[in-house]
Amino acid sequence: MIKRNLLVMGLAVLLSACGFQLRGTGTTELAIKEMDVSARDAYSQTVTQLRQVLENSGVHVYNGATYKLFLADEKDTQRNLSYASAGRSSDVELATTLSFEIQGRDRLPLLSDKIQVQKVVSHDGNNLVGSDSEVIQVRKEMRRELVQRMVLRLSMLTPEQLATLQQRADDKAKADADAAKAAQEYEDNTPKQSPVEVPVE
């Protein structure tokens, strides 16, 4: 418990040094002032918390905004780091991975990435109820950290960077459309061979 508290305090100091504030102690200044936020699981706690933090940071979150943050997948995993004999504690690593995509006009993908949070907890074989309760609490802490890391990632983006990414996406979409059109025209203009007639003897 002491190690985890020290780790959280160290992370808070590190993020504060970067100009980043943990929720409840301040807000993060984002250059992006409006954004649409959605998720594959529209009712997940992560997307709900993320919307709240963004709005507290001065971002207008609404459907139809030019740029859209789409949380494509959130996956929780757990693996044993050590195996203990009966009656002793073992270490368990908890991990949550969030895959996301930022979309622009016409829902064109501008960039995609993933964020991962990991924690190690001790699992007491003699106190399964207490261990399970601690895992649930740690998962909540991990979700909050995941949201803060997502906001930190967004704070690194500027309107100029997004405009550049949008132009590249537009150019790629146009090139793909032109290639598909050319292929279709080639197919339409290519004479179709008539089936070979086999003479009847």
N, C-alpha and C. Protein backbone atom coordinates (compact mmCIF):
# COMPACT_ATOMS: atom_id res chain seq x y z
N MET A 1 0.83 -1.21 0.00
CA MET A 1 0.00 0.00 0.00
C MET A 1 0.87 1.26 0.00
N ILE A 2 1.94 1.23 0.84
CA ILE A 2 2.82 2.40 0.92
C ILE A 2 3.53 2.62 -0.41
N LYS A 3 3.99 1.51 -1.02
CA LYS A 3 4.67 1.63 -2.31
C LYS A 3 3.75 2.23 -3.35
N ARG A 4 2.47 1.78 -3.36
CA ARG A 4 1.53 2.28 -4.36
C ARG A 4 1.26 3.77 -4.16
N ASN A 5 1.13 4.19 -2.87
CA ASN A 5 0.90 5.61 -2.59
C ASN A 5 2.08 6.46 -3.04
N LEU A 6 3.29 5.95 -2.78
CA LEU A 6 4.48 6.69 -3.21
C LEU A 6 4.53 6.78 -4.73
N LEU A 7 4.13 5.69 -5.40
CA LEU A 7 4.13 5.69 -6.86
C LEU A 7 3.14 6.72 -7.40
N VAL A 8 1.95 6.78 -6.80
CA VAL A 8 0.93 7.75 -7.24
C VAL A 8 1.41 9.17 -7.01
N MET A 9 2.04 9.41 -5.82
CA MET A 9 2.55 10.75 -5.53
C MET A 9 3.65 11.14 -6.51
N GLY A 10 4.52 10.17 -6.83
CA GLY A 10 5.60 10.45 -7.78
C GLY A 10 5.05 10.78 -9.15
N LEU A 11 4.01 10.04 -9.57
CA LEU A 11 3.39 10.30 -10.87
C LEU A 11 2.75 11.67 -10.90
N ALA A 12 2.11 12.04 -9.79
CA ALA A 12 1.47 13.36 -9.73
C ALA A 12 2.49 14.48 -9.85
N VAL A 13 3.64 14.31 -9.16
CA VAL A 13 4.70 15.33 -9.24
C VAL A 13 5.25 15.41 -10.65
N LEU A 14 5.46 14.26 -11.27
CA LEU A 14 6.00 14.22 -12.63
C LEU A 14 5.06 14.89 -13.61
N LEU A 15 3.76 14.58 -13.53
CA LEU A 15 2.80 15.19 -14.45
C LEU A 15 2.65 16.68 -14.19
N SER A 16 2.70 17.08 -12.91
CA SER A 16 2.60 18.50 -12.60
C SER A 16 3.78 19.26 -13.17
N ALA A 17 4.94 18.63 -13.17
CA ALA A 17 6.13 19.28 -13.73
C ALA A 17 5.97 19.51 -15.23
N CYS A 18 5.14 18.69 -15.86
CA CYS A 18 4.90 18.84 -17.30
C CYS A 18 3.75 19.81 -17.57
N GLY A 19 3.24 20.44 -16.50
CA GLY A 19 2.13 21.36 -16.69
C GLY A 19 0.79 20.66 -16.70
N PHE A 20 0.75 19.44 -16.21
CA PHE A 20 -0.48 18.64 -16.23
C PHE A 20 -1.01 18.52 -14.82
N GLN A 21 -2.32 18.67 -14.66
CA GLN A 21 -2.93 18.60 -13.34
C GLN A 21 -3.82 17.38 -13.24
N LEU A 22 -3.75 16.68 -12.12
CA LEU A 22 -4.66 15.58 -11.88
C LEU A 22 -6.05 16.13 -11.59
N ARG A 23 -7.06 15.35 -11.93
CA ARG A 23 -8.42 15.79 -11.71
C ARG A 23 -8.64 16.09 -10.24
N GLY A 24 -9.30 17.23 -9.96
CA GLY A 24 -9.54 17.61 -8.60
C GLY A 24 -8.53 18.64 -8.12
N THR A 25 -7.39 18.77 -8.80
CA THR A 25 -6.37 19.74 -8.40
C THR A 25 -6.20 20.83 -9.45
N GLY A 26 -6.94 20.75 -10.54
CA GLY A 26 -6.81 21.73 -11.60
C GLY A 26 -7.28 21.16 -12.91
N THR A 27 -7.03 21.86 -13.99
CA THR A 27 -7.45 21.39 -15.30
C THR A 27 -6.28 21.43 -16.26
N THR A 28 -6.42 20.68 -17.33
CA THR A 28 -5.40 20.66 -18.37
C THR A 28 -5.83 21.57 -19.50
N GLU A 29 -4.94 22.42 -19.96
CA GLU A 29 -5.28 23.33 -21.05
C GLU A 29 -5.09 22.62 -22.37
N LEU A 30 -6.16 22.50 -23.13
CA LEU A 30 -6.11 21.87 -24.44
C LEU A 30 -6.27 22.91 -25.53
N ALA A 31 -5.48 22.74 -26.60
CA ALA A 31 -5.60 23.65 -27.73
C ALA A 31 -6.88 23.37 -28.52
N ILE A 32 -7.35 22.11 -28.44
CA ILE A 32 -8.59 21.73 -29.11
C ILE A 32 -9.75 22.17 -28.23
N LYS A 33 -10.65 22.98 -28.76
CA LYS A 33 -11.72 23.55 -27.96
C LYS A 33 -13.05 22.85 -28.15
N GLU A 34 -13.15 21.96 -29.12
CA GLU A 34 -14.40 21.21 -29.28
C GLU A 34 -14.09 19.84 -29.86
N MET A 35 -14.86 18.85 -29.44
CA MET A 35 -14.60 17.48 -29.87
C MET A 35 -15.82 16.60 -29.62
N ASP A 36 -16.01 15.67 -30.53
CA ASP A 36 -17.04 14.65 -30.37
C ASP A 36 -16.35 13.42 -29.75
N VAL A 37 -16.93 12.86 -28.71
CA VAL A 37 -16.34 11.71 -28.04
C VAL A 37 -17.34 10.56 -28.04
N SER A 38 -16.92 9.42 -28.54
CA SER A 38 -17.79 8.24 -28.55
C SER A 38 -16.94 7.01 -28.32
N ALA A 39 -17.61 5.87 -28.12
CA ALA A 39 -16.91 4.62 -27.85
C ALA A 39 -17.72 3.46 -28.39
N ARG A 40 -17.02 2.37 -28.62
CA ARG A 40 -17.73 1.16 -29.05
C ARG A 40 -18.75 0.76 -27.98
N ASP A 41 -18.35 0.92 -26.71
CA ASP A 41 -19.28 0.74 -25.60
C ASP A 41 -19.70 2.13 -25.14
N ALA A 42 -20.85 2.59 -25.64
CA ALA A 42 -21.27 3.98 -25.40
C ALA A 42 -21.54 4.27 -23.93
N TYR A 43 -21.74 3.23 -23.11
CA TYR A 43 -22.09 3.44 -21.70
C TYR A 43 -20.94 3.08 -20.77
N SER A 44 -19.74 2.96 -21.30
CA SER A 44 -18.61 2.61 -20.45
C SER A 44 -18.27 3.76 -19.51
N GLN A 45 -17.73 3.40 -18.35
CA GLN A 45 -17.34 4.42 -17.37
C GLN A 45 -16.18 5.27 -17.90
N THR A 46 -15.35 4.68 -18.73
CA THR A 46 -14.21 5.42 -19.27
C THR A 46 -14.65 6.58 -20.13
N VAL A 47 -15.59 6.36 -21.05
CA VAL A 47 -16.04 7.44 -21.93
C VAL A 47 -16.80 8.49 -21.13
N THR A 48 -17.53 8.07 -20.11
CA THR A 48 -18.25 9.03 -19.27
C THR A 48 -17.28 9.92 -18.51
N GLN A 49 -16.26 9.31 -17.90
CA GLN A 49 -15.26 10.09 -17.16
C GLN A 49 -14.47 11.00 -18.10
N LEU A 50 -14.16 10.49 -19.29
CA LEU A 50 -13.38 11.28 -20.24
C LEU A 50 -14.15 12.52 -20.67
N ARG A 51 -15.43 12.37 -20.95
CA ARG A 51 -16.24 13.53 -21.32
C ARG A 51 -16.23 14.58 -20.21
N GLN A 52 -16.36 14.12 -18.96
CA GLN A 52 -16.38 15.04 -17.83
C GLN A 52 -15.07 15.81 -17.70
N VAL A 53 -13.95 15.07 -17.81
CA VAL A 53 -12.64 15.72 -17.66
C VAL A 53 -12.40 16.72 -18.79
N LEU A 54 -12.79 16.35 -20.02
CA LEU A 54 -12.61 17.27 -21.15
C LEU A 54 -13.45 18.53 -20.97
N GLU A 55 -14.68 18.36 -20.53
CA GLU A 55 -15.54 19.53 -20.31
C GLU A 55 -15.00 20.41 -19.20
N ASN A 56 -14.44 19.79 -18.14
CA ASN A 56 -13.82 20.55 -17.06
C ASN A 56 -12.56 21.28 -17.54
N SER A 57 -11.99 20.80 -18.64
CA SER A 57 -10.79 21.43 -19.20
C SER A 57 -11.14 22.47 -20.27
N GLY A 58 -12.43 22.77 -20.40
CA GLY A 58 -12.84 23.83 -21.33
C GLY A 58 -13.13 23.36 -22.74
N VAL A 59 -13.24 22.04 -22.94
CA VAL A 59 -13.53 21.50 -24.27
C VAL A 59 -15.04 21.31 -24.41
N HIS A 60 -15.60 21.83 -25.50
CA HIS A 60 -17.02 21.65 -25.78
C HIS A 60 -17.20 20.28 -26.44
N VAL A 61 -17.79 19.35 -25.69
CA VAL A 61 -17.98 17.99 -26.18
C VAL A 61 -19.41 17.85 -26.69
N TYR A 62 -19.55 17.59 -28.00
CA TYR A 62 -20.90 17.45 -28.56
C TYR A 62 -20.84 16.65 -29.86
N ASN A 63 -21.97 16.04 -30.20
CA ASN A 63 -22.08 15.30 -31.45
C ASN A 63 -22.01 16.26 -32.62
N GLY A 64 -21.24 15.90 -33.64
CA GLY A 64 -21.14 16.73 -34.83
C GLY A 64 -19.94 17.66 -34.85
N ALA A 65 -19.10 17.60 -33.81
CA ALA A 65 -17.88 18.43 -33.81
C ALA A 65 -16.98 17.97 -34.95
N THR A 66 -16.12 18.89 -35.42
CA THR A 66 -15.26 18.58 -36.57
C THR A 66 -14.39 17.36 -36.30
N TYR A 67 -13.81 17.31 -35.10
CA TYR A 67 -12.93 16.19 -34.76
C TYR A 67 -13.62 15.28 -33.76
N LYS A 68 -13.41 13.98 -33.95
CA LYS A 68 -14.07 12.98 -33.12
C LYS A 68 -13.04 12.02 -32.53
N LEU A 69 -13.13 11.82 -31.21
CA LEU A 69 -12.32 10.83 -30.52
C LEU A 69 -13.17 9.58 -30.36
N PHE A 70 -12.71 8.49 -30.97
CA PHE A 70 -13.45 7.24 -30.90
C PHE A 70 -12.64 6.22 -30.11
N LEU A 71 -13.19 5.77 -28.99
CA LEU A 71 -12.54 4.74 -28.17
C LEU A 71 -12.92 3.39 -28.75
N ALA A 72 -12.01 2.82 -29.51
CA ALA A 72 -12.33 1.62 -30.28
C ALA A 72 -12.40 0.36 -29.43
N ASP A 73 -11.52 0.27 -28.43
CA ASP A 73 -11.49 -0.97 -27.65
C ASP A 73 -10.81 -0.72 -26.31
N GLU A 74 -11.38 -1.28 -25.26
CA GLU A 74 -10.79 -1.20 -23.92
C GLU A 74 -10.72 -2.62 -23.37
N LYS A 75 -9.52 -3.07 -23.05
CA LYS A 75 -9.34 -4.47 -22.66
C LYS A 75 -8.61 -4.56 -21.33
N ASP A 76 -9.21 -5.31 -20.39
CA ASP A 76 -8.59 -5.57 -19.09
C ASP A 76 -7.95 -6.96 -19.12
N THR A 77 -6.72 -7.04 -18.64
CA THR A 77 -6.03 -8.34 -18.56
C THR A 77 -5.44 -8.51 -17.17
N GLN A 78 -5.13 -9.74 -16.85
CA GLN A 78 -4.56 -10.06 -15.54
C GLN A 78 -3.67 -11.28 -15.69
N ARG A 79 -2.48 -11.20 -15.10
CA ARG A 79 -1.59 -12.36 -15.16
C ARG A 79 -0.79 -12.47 -13.86
N ASN A 80 -0.46 -13.69 -13.51
CA ASN A 80 0.30 -13.94 -12.29
C ASN A 80 1.78 -13.69 -12.55
N LEU A 81 2.39 -12.91 -11.67
CA LEU A 81 3.83 -12.67 -11.75
C LEU A 81 4.60 -13.66 -10.90
N SER A 82 3.93 -14.17 -9.87
CA SER A 82 4.57 -15.15 -8.99
C SER A 82 3.50 -16.10 -8.46
N TYR A 83 3.91 -17.28 -8.16
CA TYR A 83 3.01 -18.29 -7.61
C TYR A 83 3.46 -18.60 -6.19
N ALA A 84 2.50 -18.56 -5.27
CA ALA A 84 2.83 -18.78 -3.87
C ALA A 84 2.18 -20.06 -3.39
N SER A 85 2.78 -20.63 -2.37
CA SER A 85 2.21 -21.83 -1.77
C SER A 85 0.97 -21.44 -0.98
N ALA A 86 0.22 -22.42 -0.57
CA ALA A 86 -1.03 -22.16 0.15
C ALA A 86 -0.77 -21.29 1.37
N GLY A 87 -1.66 -20.30 1.54
CA GLY A 87 -1.54 -19.43 2.72
C GLY A 87 -0.61 -18.26 2.54
N ARG A 88 -0.02 -18.10 1.37
CA ARG A 88 0.91 -16.99 1.14
C ARG A 88 0.40 -16.12 -0.01
N SER A 89 0.90 -14.88 -0.08
CA SER A 89 0.47 -13.94 -1.11
C SER A 89 1.24 -14.15 -2.40
N SER A 90 0.59 -13.84 -3.50
CA SER A 90 1.25 -13.88 -4.80
C SER A 90 1.03 -12.54 -5.50
N ASP A 91 1.93 -12.17 -6.39
CA ASP A 91 1.83 -10.91 -7.11
C ASP A 91 1.06 -11.10 -8.41
N VAL A 92 0.14 -10.19 -8.66
CA VAL A 92 -0.69 -10.23 -9.86
C VAL A 92 -0.56 -8.90 -10.59
N GLU A 93 -0.32 -8.96 -11.89
CA GLU A 93 -0.23 -7.74 -12.70
C GLU A 93 -1.57 -7.48 -13.39
N LEU A 94 -2.13 -6.31 -13.14
CA LEU A 94 -3.36 -5.88 -13.81
C LEU A 94 -2.98 -4.89 -14.90
N ALA A 95 -3.62 -5.01 -16.04
CA ALA A 95 -3.34 -4.10 -17.15
C ALA A 95 -4.64 -3.74 -17.85
N THR A 96 -4.72 -2.49 -18.28
CA THR A 96 -5.85 -2.02 -19.09
C THR A 96 -5.29 -1.32 -20.31
N THR A 97 -5.72 -1.74 -21.48
CA THR A 97 -5.24 -1.16 -22.74
C THR A 97 -6.41 -0.50 -23.45
N LEU A 98 -6.24 0.77 -23.80
CA LEU A 98 -7.27 1.53 -24.49
C LEU A 98 -6.80 1.88 -25.90
N SER A 99 -7.47 1.36 -26.91
CA SER A 99 -7.17 1.69 -28.31
C SER A 99 -8.12 2.79 -28.76
N PHE A 100 -7.57 3.82 -29.41
CA PHE A 100 -8.42 4.94 -29.81
C PHE A 100 -8.06 5.42 -31.21
N GLU A 101 -8.98 6.18 -31.77
CA GLU A 101 -8.77 6.77 -33.10
C GLU A 101 -9.34 8.18 -33.10
N ILE A 102 -8.61 9.09 -33.72
CA ILE A 102 -9.12 10.45 -33.90
C ILE A 102 -9.52 10.60 -35.36
N GLN A 103 -10.76 11.00 -35.57
CA GLN A 103 -11.32 11.14 -36.91
C GLN A 103 -11.58 12.62 -37.21
N GLY A 104 -11.52 12.96 -38.50
CA GLY A 104 -11.76 14.33 -38.92
C GLY A 104 -13.03 14.44 -39.75
N ARG A 105 -13.02 15.36 -40.70
CA ARG A 105 -14.19 15.54 -41.57
C ARG A 105 -14.49 14.26 -42.33
N ASP A 106 -15.76 14.02 -42.56
CA ASP A 106 -16.22 12.81 -43.27
C ASP A 106 -15.79 11.54 -42.54
N ARG A 107 -15.49 11.67 -41.24
CA ARG A 107 -15.07 10.53 -40.40
C ARG A 107 -13.81 9.86 -40.93
N LEU A 108 -12.97 10.63 -41.59
CA LEU A 108 -11.71 10.07 -42.07
C LEU A 108 -10.75 9.90 -40.88
N PRO A 109 -10.09 8.74 -40.77
CA PRO A 109 -9.16 8.53 -39.66
C PRO A 109 -7.91 9.40 -39.82
N LEU A 110 -7.57 10.13 -38.77
CA LEU A 110 -6.38 10.99 -38.80
C LEU A 110 -5.20 10.34 -38.10
N LEU A 111 -5.47 9.69 -36.99
CA LEU A 111 -4.41 8.96 -36.29
C LEU A 111 -5.05 7.95 -35.35
N SER A 112 -4.30 6.91 -35.04
CA SER A 112 -4.77 5.89 -34.09
C SER A 112 -3.60 5.48 -33.21
N ASP A 113 -3.91 5.10 -31.99
CA ASP A 113 -2.85 4.74 -31.04
C ASP A 113 -3.49 3.96 -29.90
N LYS A 114 -2.69 3.61 -28.92
CA LYS A 114 -3.22 2.93 -27.74
C LYS A 114 -2.49 3.41 -26.51
N ILE A 115 -3.17 3.33 -25.38
CA ILE A 115 -2.62 3.72 -24.09
C ILE A 115 -2.78 2.54 -23.15
N GLN A 116 -1.76 2.27 -22.33
CA GLN A 116 -1.84 1.15 -21.40
C GLN A 116 -1.44 1.59 -20.00
N VAL A 117 -2.18 1.08 -19.02
CA VAL A 117 -1.88 1.32 -17.61
C VAL A 117 -1.69 -0.03 -16.95
N GLN A 118 -0.65 -0.16 -16.12
CA GLN A 118 -0.36 -1.42 -15.44
C GLN A 118 -0.17 -1.18 -13.95
N LYS A 119 -0.65 -2.11 -13.14
CA LYS A 119 -0.46 -2.08 -11.69
C LYS A 119 -0.19 -3.49 -11.21
N VAL A 120 0.58 -3.60 -10.14
CA VAL A 120 0.86 -4.90 -9.52
C VAL A 120 0.21 -4.90 -8.14
N VAL A 121 -0.57 -5.96 -7.85
CA VAL A 121 -1.22 -6.09 -6.55
C VAL A 121 -0.86 -7.45 -5.97
N SER A 122 -0.96 -7.55 -4.65
CA SER A 122 -0.71 -8.82 -3.97
C SER A 122 -2.04 -9.52 -3.74
N HIS A 123 -2.07 -10.79 -4.07
CA HIS A 123 -3.29 -11.58 -3.91
C HIS A 123 -3.09 -12.53 -2.74
N ASP A 124 -3.88 -12.32 -1.70
CA ASP A 124 -3.75 -13.11 -0.47
C ASP A 124 -4.67 -14.32 -0.55
N GLY A 125 -4.08 -15.49 -0.58
CA GLY A 125 -4.87 -16.71 -0.65
C GLY A 125 -5.73 -16.95 0.57
N ASN A 126 -5.39 -16.33 1.72
CA ASN A 126 -6.17 -16.49 2.94
C ASN A 126 -7.28 -15.45 3.07
N ASN A 127 -7.28 -14.48 2.17
CA ASN A 127 -8.29 -13.41 2.25
C ASN A 127 -8.76 -13.07 0.84
N LEU A 128 -9.50 -13.99 0.25
CA LEU A 128 -9.93 -13.82 -1.14
C LEU A 128 -10.87 -12.63 -1.30
N VAL A 129 -11.77 -12.43 -0.34
CA VAL A 129 -12.73 -11.32 -0.42
C VAL A 129 -11.99 -9.99 -0.38
N GLY A 130 -11.04 -9.87 0.55
CA GLY A 130 -10.27 -8.63 0.65
C GLY A 130 -9.42 -8.39 -0.58
N SER A 131 -8.84 -9.46 -1.12
CA SER A 131 -8.01 -9.33 -2.33
C SER A 131 -8.85 -8.89 -3.52
N ASP A 132 -10.04 -9.48 -3.65
CA ASP A 132 -10.91 -9.11 -4.77
C ASP A 132 -11.36 -7.66 -4.64
N SER A 133 -11.63 -7.21 -3.42
CA SER A 133 -12.03 -5.82 -3.20
C SER A 133 -10.91 -4.86 -3.58
N GLU A 134 -9.68 -5.25 -3.25
CA GLU A 134 -8.54 -4.39 -3.60
C GLU A 134 -8.37 -4.32 -5.12
N VAL A 135 -8.58 -5.45 -5.81
CA VAL A 135 -8.47 -5.46 -7.27
C VAL A 135 -9.50 -4.51 -7.88
N ILE A 136 -10.73 -4.54 -7.35
CA ILE A 136 -11.77 -3.64 -7.86
C ILE A 136 -11.37 -2.19 -7.66
N GLN A 137 -10.83 -1.87 -6.48
CA GLN A 137 -10.41 -0.50 -6.19
C GLN A 137 -9.25 -0.07 -7.08
N VAL A 138 -8.30 -0.98 -7.28
CA VAL A 138 -7.15 -0.67 -8.14
C VAL A 138 -7.61 -0.46 -9.59
N ARG A 139 -8.58 -1.24 -10.03
CA ARG A 139 -9.12 -1.07 -11.39
C ARG A 139 -9.73 0.32 -11.56
N LYS A 140 -10.40 0.81 -10.52
CA LYS A 140 -10.98 2.16 -10.58
C LYS A 140 -9.87 3.20 -10.70
N GLU A 141 -8.81 3.02 -9.90
CA GLU A 141 -7.68 3.95 -9.97
C GLU A 141 -7.05 3.92 -11.36
N MET A 142 -6.94 2.72 -11.92
CA MET A 142 -6.35 2.57 -13.25
C MET A 142 -7.19 3.28 -14.32
N ARG A 143 -8.52 3.20 -14.17
CA ARG A 143 -9.39 3.87 -15.14
C ARG A 143 -9.20 5.38 -15.08
N ARG A 144 -9.10 5.92 -13.85
CA ARG A 144 -8.87 7.35 -13.71
C ARG A 144 -7.54 7.75 -14.35
N GLU A 145 -6.50 6.94 -14.11
CA GLU A 145 -5.19 7.22 -14.70
C GLU A 145 -5.24 7.11 -16.23
N LEU A 146 -6.01 6.14 -16.72
CA LEU A 146 -6.16 5.97 -18.16
C LEU A 146 -6.78 7.21 -18.79
N VAL A 147 -7.81 7.74 -18.14
CA VAL A 147 -8.48 8.94 -18.64
C VAL A 147 -7.51 10.12 -18.64
N GLN A 148 -6.75 10.26 -17.56
CA GLN A 148 -5.80 11.38 -17.47
C GLN A 148 -4.72 11.27 -18.55
N ARG A 149 -4.26 10.06 -18.81
CA ARG A 149 -3.26 9.88 -19.88
C ARG A 149 -3.85 10.19 -21.24
N MET A 150 -5.13 9.85 -21.44
CA MET A 150 -5.79 10.16 -22.70
C MET A 150 -5.89 11.67 -22.90
N VAL A 151 -6.24 12.38 -21.83
CA VAL A 151 -6.32 13.84 -21.91
C VAL A 151 -4.94 14.44 -22.15
N LEU A 152 -3.93 13.88 -21.51
CA LEU A 152 -2.56 14.35 -21.73
C LEU A 152 -2.15 14.16 -23.18
N ARG A 153 -2.54 13.02 -23.74
CA ARG A 153 -2.24 12.74 -25.17
C ARG A 153 -2.93 13.77 -26.06
N LEU A 154 -4.18 14.09 -25.75
CA LEU A 154 -4.92 15.08 -26.54
C LEU A 154 -4.32 16.48 -26.40
N SER A 155 -3.78 16.77 -25.20
CA SER A 155 -3.23 18.11 -24.97
C SER A 155 -1.98 18.36 -25.82
N MET A 156 -1.38 17.29 -26.36
CA MET A 156 -0.19 17.45 -27.20
C MET A 156 -0.55 17.80 -28.63
N LEU A 157 -1.84 17.72 -28.98
CA LEU A 157 -2.28 18.02 -30.34
C LEU A 157 -2.66 19.48 -30.47
N THR A 158 -2.34 20.06 -31.61
CA THR A 158 -2.71 21.44 -31.90
C THR A 158 -3.63 21.46 -33.11
N PRO A 159 -4.42 22.53 -33.26
CA PRO A 159 -5.27 22.64 -34.46
C PRO A 159 -4.47 22.56 -35.75
N GLU A 160 -3.23 23.08 -35.73
CA GLU A 160 -2.39 23.04 -36.93
C GLU A 160 -2.02 21.59 -37.28
N GLN A 161 -1.67 20.80 -36.26
CA GLN A 161 -1.34 19.40 -36.51
C GLN A 161 -2.55 18.63 -37.04
N LEU A 162 -3.71 18.90 -36.47
CA LEU A 162 -4.92 18.22 -36.92
C LEU A 162 -5.27 18.63 -38.35
N ALA A 163 -5.05 19.91 -38.69
CA ALA A 163 -5.32 20.37 -40.05
C ALA A 163 -4.40 19.67 -41.05
N THR A 164 -3.13 19.49 -40.66
CA THR A 164 -2.18 18.79 -41.53
C THR A 164 -2.60 17.34 -41.72
N LEU A 165 -2.99 16.68 -40.63
CA LEU A 165 -3.45 15.30 -40.72
C LEU A 165 -4.72 15.19 -41.56
N GLN A 166 -5.59 16.19 -41.44
CA GLN A 166 -6.83 16.19 -42.23
C GLN A 166 -6.52 16.31 -43.71
N GLN A 167 -5.55 17.18 -44.06
CA GLN A 167 -5.18 17.34 -45.46
C GLN A 167 -4.62 16.05 -46.03
N ARG A 168 -3.79 15.36 -45.26
CA ARG A 168 -3.22 14.09 -45.71
C ARG A 168 -4.34 13.06 -45.90
N ALA A 169 -5.29 13.03 -44.98
CA ALA A 169 -6.40 12.08 -45.08
C ALA A 169 -7.27 12.39 -46.29
N ASP A 170 -7.49 13.69 -46.55
CA ASP A 170 -8.27 14.10 -47.72
C ASP A 170 -7.56 13.69 -49.01
N ASP A 171 -6.25 13.92 -49.05
CA ASP A 171 -5.48 13.55 -50.25
C ASP A 171 -5.52 12.05 -50.48
N LYS A 172 -5.39 11.28 -49.41
CA LYS A 172 -5.41 9.82 -49.55
C LYS A 172 -6.79 9.35 -50.01
N ALA A 173 -7.84 9.93 -49.44
CA ALA A 173 -9.19 9.54 -49.83
C ALA A 173 -9.45 9.87 -51.29
N LYS A 174 -8.95 11.03 -51.75
CA LYS A 174 -9.14 11.42 -53.15
C LYS A 174 -8.36 10.48 -54.07
N ALA A 175 -7.12 10.15 -53.68
CA ALA A 175 -6.30 9.25 -54.50
C ALA A 175 -6.96 7.88 -54.59
N ASP A 176 -7.50 7.39 -53.47
CA ASP A 176 -8.18 6.09 -53.47
C ASP A 176 -9.42 6.13 -54.36
N ALA A 177 -10.16 7.23 -54.29
CA ALA A 177 -11.37 7.37 -55.10
C ALA A 177 -11.02 7.44 -56.59
N ASP A 178 -9.96 8.19 -56.91
CA ASP A 178 -9.53 8.31 -58.32
C ASP A 178 -9.07 6.95 -58.85
N ALA A 179 -8.35 6.19 -58.01
CA ALA A 179 -7.87 4.87 -58.44
C ALA A 179 -9.04 3.92 -58.67
N ALA A 180 -10.03 3.97 -57.78
CA ALA A 180 -11.21 3.11 -57.92
C ALA A 180 -12.00 3.49 -59.18
N LYS A 181 -12.11 4.80 -59.45
CA LYS A 181 -12.82 5.26 -60.64
C LYS A 181 -12.11 4.82 -61.91
N ALA A 182 -10.77 4.96 -61.93
CA ALA A 182 -9.99 4.55 -63.10
C ALA A 182 -10.13 3.05 -63.35
N ALA A 183 -10.11 2.28 -62.27
CA ALA A 183 -10.24 0.83 -62.41
C ALA A 183 -11.61 0.46 -62.97
N GLN A 184 -12.63 1.19 -62.51
CA GLN A 184 -13.99 0.91 -62.99
C GLN A 184 -14.14 1.28 -64.46
N GLU A 185 -13.56 2.43 -64.85
CA GLU A 185 -13.62 2.86 -66.25
C GLU A 185 -12.87 1.88 -67.15
N TYR A 186 -11.73 1.38 -66.68
CA TYR A 186 -10.97 0.40 -67.46
C TYR A 186 -11.80 -0.86 -67.67
N GLU A 187 -12.46 -1.29 -66.60
CA GLU A 187 -13.27 -2.50 -66.70
C GLU A 187 -14.45 -2.28 -67.64
N ASP A 188 -15.08 -1.09 -67.57
CA ASP A 188 -16.23 -0.80 -68.42
C ASP A 188 -15.84 -0.72 -69.89
N ASN A 189 -14.62 -0.24 -70.18
CA ASN A 189 -14.18 -0.04 -71.56
C ASN A 189 -13.47 -1.26 -72.15
N THR A 190 -13.24 -2.26 -71.33
CA THR A 190 -12.59 -3.46 -71.83
C THR A 190 -13.62 -4.36 -72.49
N PRO A 191 -13.41 -4.70 -73.80
CA PRO A 191 -14.38 -5.56 -74.49
C PRO A 191 -14.54 -6.89 -73.79
N LYS A 192 -15.76 -7.26 -73.65
CA LYS A 192 -16.04 -8.55 -73.02
C LYS A 192 -16.01 -9.63 -74.09
N GLN A 193 -15.28 -10.69 -73.84
CA GLN A 193 -15.20 -11.79 -74.79
C GLN A 193 -16.50 -12.58 -74.80
N SER A 194 -16.95 -12.87 -76.02
CA SER A 194 -18.17 -13.67 -76.15
C SER A 194 -17.83 -15.11 -75.84
N PRO A 195 -18.76 -15.83 -75.31
CA PRO A 195 -18.49 -17.24 -75.03
C PRO A 195 -18.20 -18.00 -76.31
N VAL A 196 -17.25 -18.91 -76.25
CA VAL A 196 -16.86 -19.68 -77.42
C VAL A 196 -17.98 -20.69 -77.75
N GLU A 197 -18.40 -20.63 -79.01
CA GLU A 197 -19.44 -21.57 -79.44
C GLU A 197 -18.79 -22.85 -79.97
N VAL A 198 -19.21 -23.94 -79.42
CA VAL A 198 -18.68 -25.24 -79.84
C VAL A 198 -19.56 -25.76 -80.99
N PRO A 199 -18.96 -25.96 -82.18
CA PRO A 199 -19.77 -26.44 -83.31
C PRO A 199 -20.38 -27.79 -83.02
N VAL A 200 -21.62 -27.91 -83.44
CA VAL A 200 -22.32 -29.19 -83.26
C VAL A 200 -22.12 -30.05 -84.47
N GLU A 201 -21.59 -31.23 -84.29
CA GLU A 201 -21.35 -32.13 -85.45
C GLU A 201 -22.62 -32.87 -85.83
